[in-house]
C-alpha cells in the first residue's frame, strides 16, 4: 500500500470516480476532515512525467465540495458551478499532495470556497469554487 503520513487514513466517503483517481486519503480533526490528500503515483502522470493537471483539479474540486457539504447543518447536494485554478508548481511522482479548504460563504442557493494544494509547505495550486446547493438525492 501507499506510504501514508501519520494522521491520515483512506478516504471514507468514496465514489467510483474517486477510486479511479486515487487512492485518496483524509486527515480528520475534531470530527471533521481538515485535509484531503494523495500520494502521486506513475498512473497520475502526464507525458512529461509530472502530475496531470486534471488530477490536481479533481483533488481541489473534491476537497472543496466535501468541505462545503460538511459546513451545512442539514444534508445537501452540490454541483460545481465554476472552478478557477492557478498552477504554481508541478507535483512529481512520489510526492504527497494535500488539499486545504477555506469556506468563504454558504447560502441557500450558492456556496463559495477556496482551496490550496500543498507539497510539504510549498503551495502548488490554488483554486476557488462556486457550488450550487441542490436537494440531496436519495442514497447519496
N, C-alpha and C. Protein backbone atom coordinates (compact mmCIF):
# COMPACT_ATOMS: atom_id res chain seq x y z
N UNK A 1 0.84 -1.18 0.00
CA UNK A 1 0.00 0.00 0.00
C UNK A 1 0.88 1.25 0.00
N UNK A 2 0.30 2.34 -0.40
CA UNK A 2 0.98 3.63 -0.46
C UNK A 2 1.47 4.04 0.92
N UNK A 3 2.65 4.67 0.95
CA UNK A 3 3.19 5.21 2.20
C UNK A 3 2.32 6.38 2.63
N UNK A 4 1.62 6.22 3.76
CA UNK A 4 0.68 7.23 4.24
C UNK A 4 1.28 7.94 5.44
N UNK A 5 1.38 9.28 5.38
CA UNK A 5 1.90 10.01 6.55
C UNK A 5 0.99 9.83 7.76
N UNK A 6 1.58 9.96 8.93
CA UNK A 6 0.84 9.82 10.17
C UNK A 6 -0.30 10.83 10.22
N UNK A 7 -1.44 10.39 10.75
CA UNK A 7 -2.60 11.25 10.89
C UNK A 7 -3.60 11.15 9.76
N UNK A 8 -3.24 10.42 8.70
CA UNK A 8 -4.14 10.25 7.55
C UNK A 8 -4.72 8.85 7.54
N UNK A 9 -5.86 8.70 6.92
CA UNK A 9 -6.50 7.40 6.73
C UNK A 9 -7.09 7.36 5.32
N UNK A 10 -7.37 6.15 4.80
CA UNK A 10 -8.03 6.09 3.49
C UNK A 10 -9.36 6.85 3.53
N UNK A 11 -9.68 7.50 2.43
CA UNK A 11 -10.91 8.27 2.32
C UNK A 11 -12.11 7.38 2.63
N UNK A 12 -12.97 7.82 3.54
CA UNK A 12 -14.12 7.03 3.96
C UNK A 12 -15.32 7.18 3.01
N UNK A 13 -15.60 8.38 2.55
CA UNK A 13 -16.76 8.66 1.69
C UNK A 13 -16.28 8.69 0.24
N UNK A 14 -16.26 7.49 -0.39
CA UNK A 14 -15.67 7.36 -1.72
C UNK A 14 -16.74 7.17 -2.78
N UNK A 15 -16.33 7.41 -4.01
CA UNK A 15 -17.18 7.11 -5.17
C UNK A 15 -16.33 6.29 -6.16
N UNK A 16 -16.96 5.77 -7.19
CA UNK A 16 -16.20 5.04 -8.20
C UNK A 16 -15.19 5.96 -8.87
N UNK A 17 -15.55 7.23 -9.05
CA UNK A 17 -14.63 8.17 -9.68
C UNK A 17 -13.42 8.45 -8.79
N UNK A 18 -13.65 8.70 -7.50
CA UNK A 18 -12.51 8.96 -6.62
C UNK A 18 -11.64 7.71 -6.48
N UNK A 19 -12.25 6.53 -6.54
CA UNK A 19 -11.46 5.29 -6.53
C UNK A 19 -10.59 5.22 -7.78
N UNK A 20 -11.13 5.64 -8.92
CA UNK A 20 -10.38 5.62 -10.18
C UNK A 20 -9.20 6.59 -10.11
N UNK A 21 -9.41 7.75 -9.51
CA UNK A 21 -8.36 8.79 -9.43
C UNK A 21 -7.36 8.53 -8.32
N UNK A 22 -7.75 7.84 -7.28
CA UNK A 22 -6.97 7.71 -6.07
C UNK A 22 -5.88 6.68 -6.13
N UNK A 23 -5.56 6.17 -4.96
CA UNK A 23 -6.32 6.28 -3.72
C UNK A 23 -6.17 7.66 -3.05
N UNK A 24 -7.28 8.12 -2.46
CA UNK A 24 -7.31 9.38 -1.72
C UNK A 24 -7.31 9.11 -0.23
N UNK A 25 -6.79 10.07 0.52
CA UNK A 25 -6.68 9.95 1.97
C UNK A 25 -7.20 11.21 2.62
N UNK A 26 -7.59 11.08 3.89
CA UNK A 26 -8.10 12.23 4.61
C UNK A 26 -7.47 12.32 5.99
N UNK A 27 -7.37 13.55 6.45
CA UNK A 27 -6.95 13.81 7.83
C UNK A 27 -8.20 14.37 8.51
N UNK A 28 -8.59 13.75 9.61
CA UNK A 28 -9.78 14.18 10.35
C UNK A 28 -9.34 14.74 11.69
N UNK A 29 -9.81 15.95 11.98
CA UNK A 29 -9.51 16.61 13.25
C UNK A 29 -10.81 17.17 13.80
N UNK A 30 -11.06 16.94 15.08
CA UNK A 30 -12.29 17.40 15.73
C UNK A 30 -13.55 16.93 15.00
N UNK A 31 -13.50 15.70 14.49
CA UNK A 31 -14.66 15.10 13.84
C UNK A 31 -14.93 15.57 12.42
N UNK A 32 -14.07 16.42 11.87
CA UNK A 32 -14.25 16.92 10.50
C UNK A 32 -12.96 16.74 9.70
N UNK A 33 -13.14 16.55 8.40
CA UNK A 33 -11.95 16.41 7.56
C UNK A 33 -11.25 17.77 7.46
N UNK A 34 -9.97 17.78 7.75
CA UNK A 34 -9.18 19.01 7.64
C UNK A 34 -8.35 19.03 6.35
N UNK A 35 -8.05 17.86 5.80
CA UNK A 35 -7.28 17.77 4.56
C UNK A 35 -7.71 16.55 3.76
N UNK A 36 -7.63 16.69 2.45
CA UNK A 36 -7.79 15.58 1.52
C UNK A 36 -6.45 15.46 0.80
N UNK A 37 -5.93 14.24 0.63
CA UNK A 37 -4.58 14.12 0.09
C UNK A 37 -4.44 12.90 -0.82
N UNK A 38 -3.32 12.91 -1.53
CA UNK A 38 -3.00 11.81 -2.44
C UNK A 38 -1.48 11.67 -2.54
N UNK A 39 -1.01 10.44 -2.64
CA UNK A 39 0.40 10.17 -2.95
C UNK A 39 0.44 10.01 -4.48
N UNK A 40 1.22 10.83 -5.14
CA UNK A 40 1.26 10.81 -6.60
C UNK A 40 1.97 9.54 -7.08
N UNK A 41 1.26 8.79 -7.91
CA UNK A 41 1.78 7.56 -8.48
C UNK A 41 2.04 7.76 -9.97
N UNK A 42 2.73 6.82 -10.57
CA UNK A 42 3.03 6.90 -12.00
C UNK A 42 1.76 7.05 -12.83
N UNK A 43 0.68 6.37 -12.43
CA UNK A 43 -0.57 6.43 -13.19
C UNK A 43 -1.19 7.83 -13.18
N UNK A 44 -0.76 8.70 -12.28
CA UNK A 44 -1.29 10.06 -12.19
C UNK A 44 -0.52 11.04 -13.07
N UNK A 45 0.52 10.55 -13.75
CA UNK A 45 1.40 11.43 -14.51
C UNK A 45 0.93 11.70 -15.92
N UNK A 46 1.52 12.74 -16.49
CA UNK A 46 1.29 13.05 -17.90
C UNK A 46 2.53 12.62 -18.69
N UNK A 47 2.58 13.00 -19.95
CA UNK A 47 3.71 12.59 -20.79
C UNK A 47 5.03 13.25 -20.39
N UNK A 48 4.97 14.31 -19.59
CA UNK A 48 6.19 14.98 -19.13
C UNK A 48 6.73 14.37 -17.83
N UNK A 49 6.01 13.39 -17.27
CA UNK A 49 6.46 12.73 -16.05
C UNK A 49 6.11 13.48 -14.78
N UNK A 50 5.20 14.44 -14.87
CA UNK A 50 4.70 15.14 -13.69
C UNK A 50 3.20 14.88 -13.58
N UNK A 51 2.63 15.27 -12.47
CA UNK A 51 1.21 15.02 -12.25
C UNK A 51 0.35 15.75 -13.27
N UNK A 52 -0.63 15.04 -13.81
CA UNK A 52 -1.56 15.63 -14.76
C UNK A 52 -2.37 16.71 -14.05
N UNK A 53 -2.48 17.88 -14.65
CA UNK A 53 -3.22 18.99 -14.06
C UNK A 53 -4.66 18.65 -13.76
N UNK A 54 -5.26 17.80 -14.58
CA UNK A 54 -6.65 17.40 -14.35
C UNK A 54 -6.82 16.65 -13.04
N UNK A 55 -5.82 15.88 -12.65
CA UNK A 55 -5.89 15.18 -11.36
C UNK A 55 -5.85 16.18 -10.21
N UNK A 56 -4.97 17.17 -10.32
CA UNK A 56 -4.88 18.18 -9.26
C UNK A 56 -6.19 18.98 -9.17
N UNK A 57 -6.79 19.27 -10.32
CA UNK A 57 -8.08 19.97 -10.31
C UNK A 57 -9.17 19.09 -9.69
N UNK A 58 -9.13 17.81 -9.97
CA UNK A 58 -10.08 16.88 -9.37
C UNK A 58 -9.93 16.85 -7.85
N UNK A 59 -8.70 16.82 -7.38
CA UNK A 59 -8.45 16.83 -5.93
C UNK A 59 -9.01 18.11 -5.31
N UNK A 60 -8.76 19.25 -5.93
CA UNK A 60 -9.28 20.53 -5.41
C UNK A 60 -10.80 20.55 -5.43
N UNK A 61 -11.41 20.14 -6.54
CA UNK A 61 -12.87 20.14 -6.66
C UNK A 61 -13.51 19.23 -5.62
N UNK A 62 -12.95 18.06 -5.42
CA UNK A 62 -13.47 17.11 -4.43
C UNK A 62 -13.32 17.66 -3.01
N UNK A 63 -12.15 18.22 -2.71
CA UNK A 63 -11.93 18.79 -1.38
C UNK A 63 -12.88 19.95 -1.11
N UNK A 64 -13.07 20.82 -2.10
CA UNK A 64 -13.97 21.96 -1.95
C UNK A 64 -15.40 21.49 -1.69
N UNK A 65 -15.90 20.62 -2.54
CA UNK A 65 -17.28 20.15 -2.40
C UNK A 65 -17.52 19.44 -1.08
N UNK A 66 -16.59 18.57 -0.69
CA UNK A 66 -16.76 17.84 0.57
C UNK A 66 -16.73 18.78 1.77
N UNK A 67 -15.83 19.77 1.75
CA UNK A 67 -15.75 20.71 2.87
C UNK A 67 -17.02 21.55 2.97
N UNK A 68 -17.56 21.96 1.84
CA UNK A 68 -18.80 22.74 1.86
C UNK A 68 -19.94 21.91 2.40
N UNK A 69 -20.08 20.67 1.95
CA UNK A 69 -21.14 19.80 2.45
C UNK A 69 -21.05 19.67 3.97
N UNK A 70 -19.83 19.50 4.50
CA UNK A 70 -19.63 19.37 5.94
C UNK A 70 -20.03 20.63 6.70
N UNK A 71 -20.00 21.77 6.04
CA UNK A 71 -20.27 23.04 6.73
C UNK A 71 -21.76 23.29 6.94
N UNK A 72 -22.62 22.55 6.24
CA UNK A 72 -24.07 22.71 6.40
C UNK A 72 -24.56 21.83 7.55
N UNK A 73 -25.57 22.31 8.26
CA UNK A 73 -26.13 21.54 9.38
C UNK A 73 -27.15 20.52 8.90
N UNK A 74 -27.55 20.60 7.63
CA UNK A 74 -28.52 19.65 7.06
C UNK A 74 -27.89 19.00 5.84
N UNK A 75 -28.37 17.83 5.45
CA UNK A 75 -27.82 17.18 4.25
C UNK A 75 -28.11 18.01 3.00
N UNK A 76 -27.09 18.28 2.21
CA UNK A 76 -27.25 18.99 0.94
C UNK A 76 -26.46 18.27 -0.13
N UNK A 77 -26.85 18.50 -1.36
CA UNK A 77 -26.09 18.05 -2.51
C UNK A 77 -25.50 19.28 -3.18
N UNK A 78 -24.40 19.11 -3.86
CA UNK A 78 -23.75 20.24 -4.53
C UNK A 78 -23.44 19.90 -5.98
N UNK A 79 -23.44 20.94 -6.79
CA UNK A 79 -22.99 20.84 -8.17
C UNK A 79 -22.00 21.97 -8.40
N UNK A 80 -20.86 21.66 -8.98
CA UNK A 80 -19.86 22.69 -9.26
C UNK A 80 -20.39 23.63 -10.34
N UNK A 81 -20.43 24.93 -10.02
CA UNK A 81 -20.83 25.96 -10.98
C UNK A 81 -19.59 26.47 -11.70
N UNK A 82 -18.56 26.78 -10.93
CA UNK A 82 -17.30 27.20 -11.54
C UNK A 82 -16.14 26.78 -10.64
N UNK A 83 -15.02 26.51 -11.29
CA UNK A 83 -13.80 26.15 -10.59
C UNK A 83 -12.65 26.85 -11.30
N UNK A 84 -12.07 27.82 -10.64
CA UNK A 84 -10.94 28.56 -11.20
C UNK A 84 -9.66 28.07 -10.53
N UNK A 85 -8.67 27.74 -11.35
CA UNK A 85 -7.43 27.21 -10.79
C UNK A 85 -6.22 27.94 -11.35
N UNK A 86 -5.22 28.07 -10.50
CA UNK A 86 -3.92 28.61 -10.88
C UNK A 86 -2.87 27.60 -10.46
N UNK A 87 -2.07 27.15 -11.41
CA UNK A 87 -1.00 26.21 -11.14
C UNK A 87 0.27 27.00 -10.84
N UNK A 88 0.87 26.73 -9.69
CA UNK A 88 2.07 27.46 -9.29
C UNK A 88 3.33 26.61 -9.41
N UNK A 89 3.17 25.32 -9.29
CA UNK A 89 4.32 24.40 -9.33
C UNK A 89 3.78 23.02 -9.65
N UNK A 90 4.59 22.17 -10.25
CA UNK A 90 4.15 20.81 -10.55
C UNK A 90 4.37 19.90 -9.35
N UNK A 91 3.67 18.79 -9.37
CA UNK A 91 3.87 17.74 -8.36
C UNK A 91 4.52 16.56 -9.07
N UNK A 92 5.50 15.98 -8.44
CA UNK A 92 6.25 14.88 -9.04
C UNK A 92 5.78 13.53 -8.50
N UNK A 93 6.07 12.49 -9.25
CA UNK A 93 5.76 11.13 -8.84
C UNK A 93 6.39 10.89 -7.46
N UNK A 94 5.60 10.34 -6.54
CA UNK A 94 6.07 10.03 -5.20
C UNK A 94 5.74 11.10 -4.17
N UNK A 95 5.39 12.29 -4.62
CA UNK A 95 5.11 13.37 -3.66
C UNK A 95 3.71 13.23 -3.06
N UNK A 96 3.59 13.74 -1.85
CA UNK A 96 2.33 13.76 -1.11
C UNK A 96 1.71 15.13 -1.32
N UNK A 97 0.51 15.16 -1.89
CA UNK A 97 -0.19 16.41 -2.17
C UNK A 97 -1.40 16.50 -1.25
N UNK A 98 -1.48 17.57 -0.47
CA UNK A 98 -2.58 17.77 0.48
C UNK A 98 -3.39 19.01 0.11
N UNK A 99 -4.71 18.88 0.18
CA UNK A 99 -5.64 19.97 -0.12
C UNK A 99 -6.22 20.51 1.18
N UNK A 100 -6.18 21.83 1.32
CA UNK A 100 -6.77 22.51 2.47
C UNK A 100 -7.78 23.53 1.96
N UNK A 101 -8.94 23.56 2.59
CA UNK A 101 -10.06 24.39 2.12
C UNK A 101 -10.41 25.45 3.14
N UNK A 102 -10.79 26.60 2.61
CA UNK A 102 -11.31 27.70 3.41
C UNK A 102 -12.68 28.08 2.85
N UNK A 103 -13.73 27.90 3.66
CA UNK A 103 -15.08 28.26 3.24
C UNK A 103 -15.22 29.78 3.30
N UNK A 104 -15.71 30.37 2.22
CA UNK A 104 -15.89 31.82 2.18
C UNK A 104 -17.32 32.23 2.53
N UNK A 105 -18.31 31.53 1.95
CA UNK A 105 -19.71 31.87 2.22
C UNK A 105 -20.58 30.69 1.81
N UNK A 106 -21.55 30.38 2.64
CA UNK A 106 -22.53 29.36 2.29
C UNK A 106 -23.91 30.00 2.36
N UNK A 107 -24.74 29.68 1.40
CA UNK A 107 -26.09 30.23 1.36
C UNK A 107 -27.10 29.17 0.96
N UNK A 108 -28.32 29.60 0.73
CA UNK A 108 -29.39 28.68 0.35
C UNK A 108 -29.20 28.13 -1.05
N UNK A 109 -28.65 28.96 -1.95
CA UNK A 109 -28.52 28.55 -3.35
C UNK A 109 -27.08 28.37 -3.82
N UNK A 110 -26.15 29.14 -3.24
CA UNK A 110 -24.76 29.08 -3.67
C UNK A 110 -23.82 29.01 -2.48
N UNK A 111 -22.66 28.40 -2.70
CA UNK A 111 -21.60 28.35 -1.69
C UNK A 111 -20.28 28.66 -2.38
N UNK A 112 -19.38 29.33 -1.65
CA UNK A 112 -18.10 29.78 -2.18
C UNK A 112 -16.98 29.30 -1.26
N UNK A 113 -15.89 28.81 -1.86
CA UNK A 113 -14.77 28.35 -1.05
C UNK A 113 -13.48 28.42 -1.86
N UNK A 114 -12.36 28.45 -1.13
CA UNK A 114 -11.03 28.45 -1.73
C UNK A 114 -10.28 27.20 -1.28
N UNK A 115 -9.38 26.73 -2.12
CA UNK A 115 -8.58 25.54 -1.81
C UNK A 115 -7.14 25.78 -2.25
N UNK A 116 -6.23 25.32 -1.43
CA UNK A 116 -4.81 25.36 -1.79
C UNK A 116 -4.26 23.95 -1.69
N UNK A 117 -3.52 23.54 -2.70
CA UNK A 117 -2.82 22.25 -2.68
C UNK A 117 -1.38 22.50 -2.30
N UNK A 118 -0.87 21.64 -1.44
CA UNK A 118 0.50 21.75 -0.93
C UNK A 118 1.28 20.47 -1.17
N UNK A 119 2.57 20.62 -1.42
CA UNK A 119 3.55 19.54 -1.30
C UNK A 119 4.48 20.03 -0.20
N UNK A 120 4.39 19.39 0.97
CA UNK A 120 5.08 19.92 2.14
C UNK A 120 4.49 21.28 2.48
N UNK A 121 5.34 22.29 2.57
CA UNK A 121 4.82 23.63 2.83
C UNK A 121 4.80 24.50 1.57
N UNK A 122 5.08 23.87 0.41
CA UNK A 122 5.07 24.57 -0.87
C UNK A 122 3.68 24.56 -1.48
N UNK A 123 3.15 25.73 -1.79
CA UNK A 123 1.86 25.83 -2.50
C UNK A 123 2.10 25.47 -3.95
N UNK A 124 1.27 24.55 -4.47
CA UNK A 124 1.43 24.17 -5.88
C UNK A 124 0.22 24.54 -6.73
N UNK A 125 -0.93 24.75 -6.10
CA UNK A 125 -2.15 25.10 -6.84
C UNK A 125 -3.08 25.85 -5.91
N UNK A 126 -3.76 26.83 -6.46
CA UNK A 126 -4.84 27.47 -5.70
C UNK A 126 -6.08 27.41 -6.58
N UNK A 127 -7.21 27.23 -5.92
CA UNK A 127 -8.47 27.12 -6.64
C UNK A 127 -9.55 27.84 -5.87
N UNK A 128 -10.50 28.39 -6.60
CA UNK A 128 -11.69 28.94 -5.97
C UNK A 128 -12.89 28.33 -6.68
N UNK A 129 -13.88 27.96 -5.89
CA UNK A 129 -15.04 27.29 -6.45
C UNK A 129 -16.34 27.92 -6.01
N UNK A 130 -17.30 27.87 -6.91
CA UNK A 130 -18.68 28.25 -6.62
C UNK A 130 -19.51 27.01 -6.86
N UNK A 131 -20.37 26.69 -5.89
CA UNK A 131 -21.18 25.47 -5.96
C UNK A 131 -22.65 25.81 -5.78
N UNK A 132 -23.50 25.17 -6.59
CA UNK A 132 -24.94 25.31 -6.43
C UNK A 132 -25.40 24.30 -5.38
N UNK A 133 -26.22 24.77 -4.45
CA UNK A 133 -26.76 23.91 -3.40
C UNK A 133 -28.04 23.29 -3.95
N UNK A 134 -28.07 21.97 -3.95
CA UNK A 134 -29.20 21.23 -4.51
C UNK A 134 -29.83 20.36 -3.42
N UNK A 135 -31.02 19.91 -3.70
CA UNK A 135 -31.65 18.93 -2.82
C UNK A 135 -30.86 17.65 -2.91
N UNK A 136 -30.56 17.06 -1.78
CA UNK A 136 -29.78 15.83 -1.77
C UNK A 136 -30.62 14.69 -2.29
N UNK A 137 -30.04 13.87 -3.18
CA UNK A 137 -30.77 12.77 -3.79
C UNK A 137 -30.69 11.54 -2.90
N UNK A 138 -31.73 10.76 -2.92
CA UNK A 138 -31.79 9.54 -2.11
C UNK A 138 -30.60 8.64 -2.38
N UNK A 139 -30.04 8.07 -1.32
CA UNK A 139 -28.92 7.14 -1.46
C UNK A 139 -27.58 7.80 -1.61
N UNK A 140 -27.51 9.13 -1.46
CA UNK A 140 -26.22 9.83 -1.62
C UNK A 140 -25.93 10.68 -0.45
